[in-house]
Amino acid sequence: MALTQRAQRALQTLPAPVRWLAAPLVLLACTGAVLMSGGSYQPPITAPHPDPMALGPCAALMKALPSAMLGHPRADPPNSPYVAVWRTTPRTVLRCGVARPASLRIVANQMSTGPNVDGVQWYLEQDGHGGYRYTLTQHALYVEVAAPAGATVNATDALGIVSPAVLATIPDLNGQLGQGSDSDQPGQ
């Protein structure tokens, strides 16, 4: 209470035009702080429940992923062995063994192509917050990479960092490792 009274007294000592601008200036400063921080959206780190056949490849992928992404350390959540988190701002999240994206039920989406990074084909979806969610396609299981707006300079930077580990540990539809796709092919 005393702090509020002191603030009121301090405002009353200012000329009237300055007092009138105080509240809008504080609001503007708070809005600027939120915008400069990249907003409050953080991709979920919900633990996936991989199919039993995916447990081995997912464990291998988690071990093969880099400990840093563009200088940002990896800090995995303790509650899931199949989630990797890098401390970008906002965080970049990889989840192994996720369900097939619901949007792939639409035939037109099955024919769309997302980025092919280092021979790894990714299905592209917007995350609703200005960033992207990429899902590995043409492989035996689904791996999701959430790359929110502002986490990296380019939206696909995270894919360039994780794709070599994906290619080495997640079998393709024929059960082969390290067999990248050199051409853009529709999602599965």
Protein backbone atom coordinates (compact mmCIF):
# COMPACT_ATOMS: atom_id res chain seq x y z
CA MET A 1 0.00 0.00 0.00
CA ALA A 2 2.79 2.43 0.90
CA LEU A 3 4.45 1.82 -2.48
CA THR A 4 1.24 2.68 -4.31
CA GLN A 5 0.83 5.90 -2.31
CA ARG A 6 4.44 6.89 -3.03
CA ALA A 7 3.93 6.27 -6.74
CA GLN A 8 0.76 8.39 -6.73
CA ARG A 9 2.55 11.22 -4.93
CA ALA A 10 5.42 11.04 -7.40
CA LEU A 11 3.01 11.23 -10.33
CA GLN A 12 1.18 14.21 -8.78
CA THR A 13 4.43 16.20 -8.69
CA LEU A 14 4.69 15.90 -12.49
CA PRO A 15 2.98 18.40 -14.83
CA ALA A 16 -0.49 17.34 -16.00
CA PRO A 17 0.49 16.50 -19.63
CA VAL A 18 3.19 14.15 -18.37
CA ARG A 19 0.75 12.46 -15.96
CA TRP A 20 -1.72 11.94 -18.80
CA LEU A 21 0.92 10.19 -20.87
CA ALA A 22 2.24 7.99 -18.05
CA ALA A 23 -0.25 5.12 -18.43
CA PRO A 24 -0.04 4.92 -22.26
CA LEU A 25 3.77 5.01 -22.09
CA VAL A 26 3.85 2.18 -19.54
CA LEU A 27 1.46 0.15 -21.71
CA LEU A 28 3.61 0.82 -24.78
CA ALA A 29 6.77 -0.24 -22.93
CA CYS A 30 5.14 -3.47 -21.73
CA THR A 31 3.89 -4.25 -25.26
CA GLY A 32 7.38 -3.64 -26.65
CA ALA A 33 8.92 -5.92 -24.05
CA VAL A 34 6.54 -8.75 -24.97
CA LEU A 35 7.18 -8.30 -28.70
CA MET A 36 10.95 -8.17 -28.24
CA SER A 37 10.89 -11.36 -26.20
CA GLY A 38 9.37 -13.25 -29.13
CA GLY A 39 6.01 -13.54 -27.42
CA SER A 40 5.00 -16.19 -24.98
CA TYR A 41 4.48 -19.17 -27.30
CA GLN A 42 6.60 -22.21 -26.52
CA PRO A 43 6.12 -25.46 -28.45
CA PRO A 44 4.82 -28.33 -26.35
CA ILE A 45 7.18 -30.86 -24.83
CA THR A 46 4.44 -33.42 -24.32
CA ALA A 47 5.89 -36.91 -24.14
CA PRO A 48 4.94 -39.01 -27.17
CA HIS A 49 3.96 -42.65 -26.77
CA PRO A 50 5.90 -44.39 -29.53
CA ASP A 51 4.83 -47.71 -30.96
CA PRO A 52 6.93 -50.53 -29.42
CA MET A 53 8.73 -50.97 -32.76
CA ALA A 54 9.82 -47.31 -32.60
CA LEU A 55 11.44 -47.48 -29.16
CA GLY A 56 14.86 -48.65 -30.39
CA PRO A 57 15.19 -46.14 -33.25
CA CYS A 58 13.90 -43.31 -31.04
CA ALA A 59 16.44 -44.14 -28.32
CA ALA A 60 19.20 -44.23 -30.95
CA LEU A 61 18.07 -40.87 -32.35
CA MET A 62 18.09 -39.22 -28.92
CA LYS A 63 21.69 -40.37 -28.41
CA ALA A 64 22.75 -39.19 -31.88
CA LEU A 65 21.27 -35.70 -31.66
CA PRO A 66 23.71 -32.85 -31.06
CA SER A 67 24.17 -31.35 -27.60
CA ALA A 68 23.80 -27.82 -29.00
CA MET A 69 21.89 -26.08 -31.78
CA LEU A 70 23.53 -22.97 -33.17
CA GLY A 71 25.24 -22.38 -29.84
CA HIS A 72 22.15 -23.09 -27.73
CA PRO A 73 22.53 -26.04 -25.34
CA ARG A 74 20.24 -29.03 -25.28
CA ALA A 75 18.18 -29.45 -22.11
CA ASP A 76 15.86 -32.44 -22.38
CA PRO A 77 12.86 -32.71 -20.06
CA PRO A 78 13.32 -35.37 -17.38
CA ASN A 79 9.92 -36.99 -17.97
CA SER A 80 10.42 -38.27 -21.52
CA PRO A 81 13.29 -40.10 -23.13
CA TYR A 82 11.84 -39.28 -26.59
CA VAL A 83 11.85 -35.47 -26.41
CA ALA A 84 14.86 -33.26 -27.16
CA VAL A 85 14.77 -29.55 -26.34
CA TRP A 86 17.28 -26.90 -27.32
CA ARG A 87 17.32 -23.61 -25.43
CA THR A 88 16.72 -21.36 -28.41
CA THR A 89 14.30 -18.49 -27.76
CA PRO A 90 11.64 -19.75 -28.06
CA ARG A 91 12.71 -23.36 -27.57
CA THR A 92 13.16 -25.81 -30.45
CA VAL A 93 11.64 -29.23 -29.74
CA LEU A 94 12.10 -32.64 -31.37
CA ARG A 95 9.69 -35.44 -30.43
CA CYS A 96 10.29 -38.98 -31.68
CA GLY A 97 7.52 -41.51 -32.22
CA VAL A 98 4.65 -39.03 -32.58
CA ALA A 99 1.39 -39.92 -34.26
CA ARG A 100 0.90 -39.29 -37.97
CA PRO A 101 -0.21 -35.67 -38.46
CA ALA A 102 -3.99 -35.49 -38.78
CA SER A 103 -3.63 -33.12 -41.75
CA LEU A 104 -2.05 -35.96 -43.76
CA ARG A 105 -5.49 -37.59 -43.93
CA ILE A 106 -6.28 -34.97 -46.59
CA VAL A 107 -5.21 -36.32 -49.97
CA ALA A 108 -4.00 -32.92 -51.21
CA ASN A 109 -1.65 -32.69 -48.22
CA GLN A 110 -0.29 -36.16 -48.98
CA MET A 111 0.80 -34.82 -52.35
CA SER A 112 2.42 -31.67 -50.99
CA THR A 113 6.14 -31.50 -50.50
CA GLY A 114 7.93 -29.90 -47.63
CA PRO A 115 11.65 -29.28 -47.37
CA ASN A 116 14.13 -32.00 -48.22
CA VAL A 117 17.15 -31.35 -46.00
CA ASP A 118 20.28 -33.45 -46.42
CA GLY A 119 18.25 -36.21 -48.06
CA VAL A 120 15.56 -36.22 -45.35
CA GLN A 121 12.00 -35.40 -46.43
CA TRP A 122 9.92 -33.31 -44.00
CA TYR A 123 6.20 -32.53 -44.08
CA LEU A 124 5.55 -28.84 -43.35
CA GLU A 125 2.73 -27.38 -41.24
CA GLN A 126 2.35 -23.91 -39.76
CA ASP A 127 2.19 -23.92 -35.97
CA GLY A 128 -0.39 -21.11 -35.74
CA HIS A 129 2.10 -18.75 -34.08
CA GLY A 130 4.26 -17.76 -37.06
CA GLY A 131 6.58 -20.78 -36.89
CA TYR A 132 6.54 -24.27 -38.33
CA ARG A 133 6.13 -27.89 -37.33
CA TYR A 134 8.01 -30.36 -39.50
CA THR A 135 7.25 -34.08 -39.48
CA LEU A 136 9.54 -36.73 -40.91
CA THR A 137 7.90 -38.63 -43.75
CA GLN A 138 8.92 -41.60 -45.90
CA HIS A 139 10.36 -43.35 -42.86
CA ALA A 140 9.22 -46.15 -40.55
CA LEU A 141 8.04 -43.72 -37.85
CA TYR A 142 7.20 -40.07 -37.38
CA VAL A 143 9.57 -37.52 -35.85
CA GLU A 144 8.34 -33.98 -35.24
CA VAL A 145 10.49 -30.84 -35.06
CA ALA A 146 8.83 -27.68 -33.75
CA ALA A 147 10.66 -24.61 -35.03
CA PRO A 148 8.82 -21.59 -33.64
CA ALA A 149 9.17 -18.13 -35.13
CA GLY A 150 12.37 -16.48 -33.98
CA ALA A 151 14.06 -19.62 -32.64
CA THR A 152 16.58 -19.61 -35.50
CA VAL A 153 17.41 -17.22 -38.31
CA ASN A 154 15.91 -19.47 -40.99
CA ALA A 155 12.89 -21.68 -40.41
CA THR A 156 14.74 -24.80 -41.59
CA ASP A 157 17.97 -24.27 -39.61
CA ALA A 158 16.88 -26.85 -37.03
CA LEU A 159 16.31 -29.44 -39.77
CA GLY A 160 19.85 -29.04 -41.05
CA ILE A 161 21.13 -29.82 -37.58
CA VAL A 162 18.93 -32.86 -36.81
CA SER A 163 18.61 -34.42 -40.29
CA PRO A 164 21.99 -36.23 -40.25
CA ALA A 165 21.06 -37.95 -36.95
CA VAL A 166 17.61 -38.82 -38.32
CA LEU A 167 19.11 -40.30 -41.48
CA ALA A 168 21.55 -42.40 -39.44
CA THR A 169 19.04 -43.78 -36.92
CA ILE A 170 15.48 -43.85 -38.32
CA PRO A 171 14.87 -46.53 -40.98
CA ASP A 172 13.14 -45.56 -44.20
CA LEU A 173 10.01 -47.35 -45.45
CA ASN A 174 12.20 -50.19 -46.75
CA GLY A 175 13.91 -50.63 -43.38
CA GLN A 176 17.19 -49.11 -44.56
CA LEU A 177 19.31 -46.58 -42.65
CA GLY A 178 21.14 -43.71 -44.30
CA GLN A 179 19.11 -43.89 -47.49
CA GLY A 180 18.14 -40.27 -48.05
CA SER A 181 15.72 -39.01 -50.62
CA ASP A 182 17.46 -36.69 -53.08
CA SER A 183 14.25 -35.50 -54.66
CA ASP A 184 11.17 -33.86 -53.25
CA GLN A 185 8.54 -36.55 -52.97
CA PRO A 186 5.02 -36.35 -51.55
CA GLY A 187 4.47 -37.04 -47.86
CA GLN A 188 3.31 -40.40 -46.52
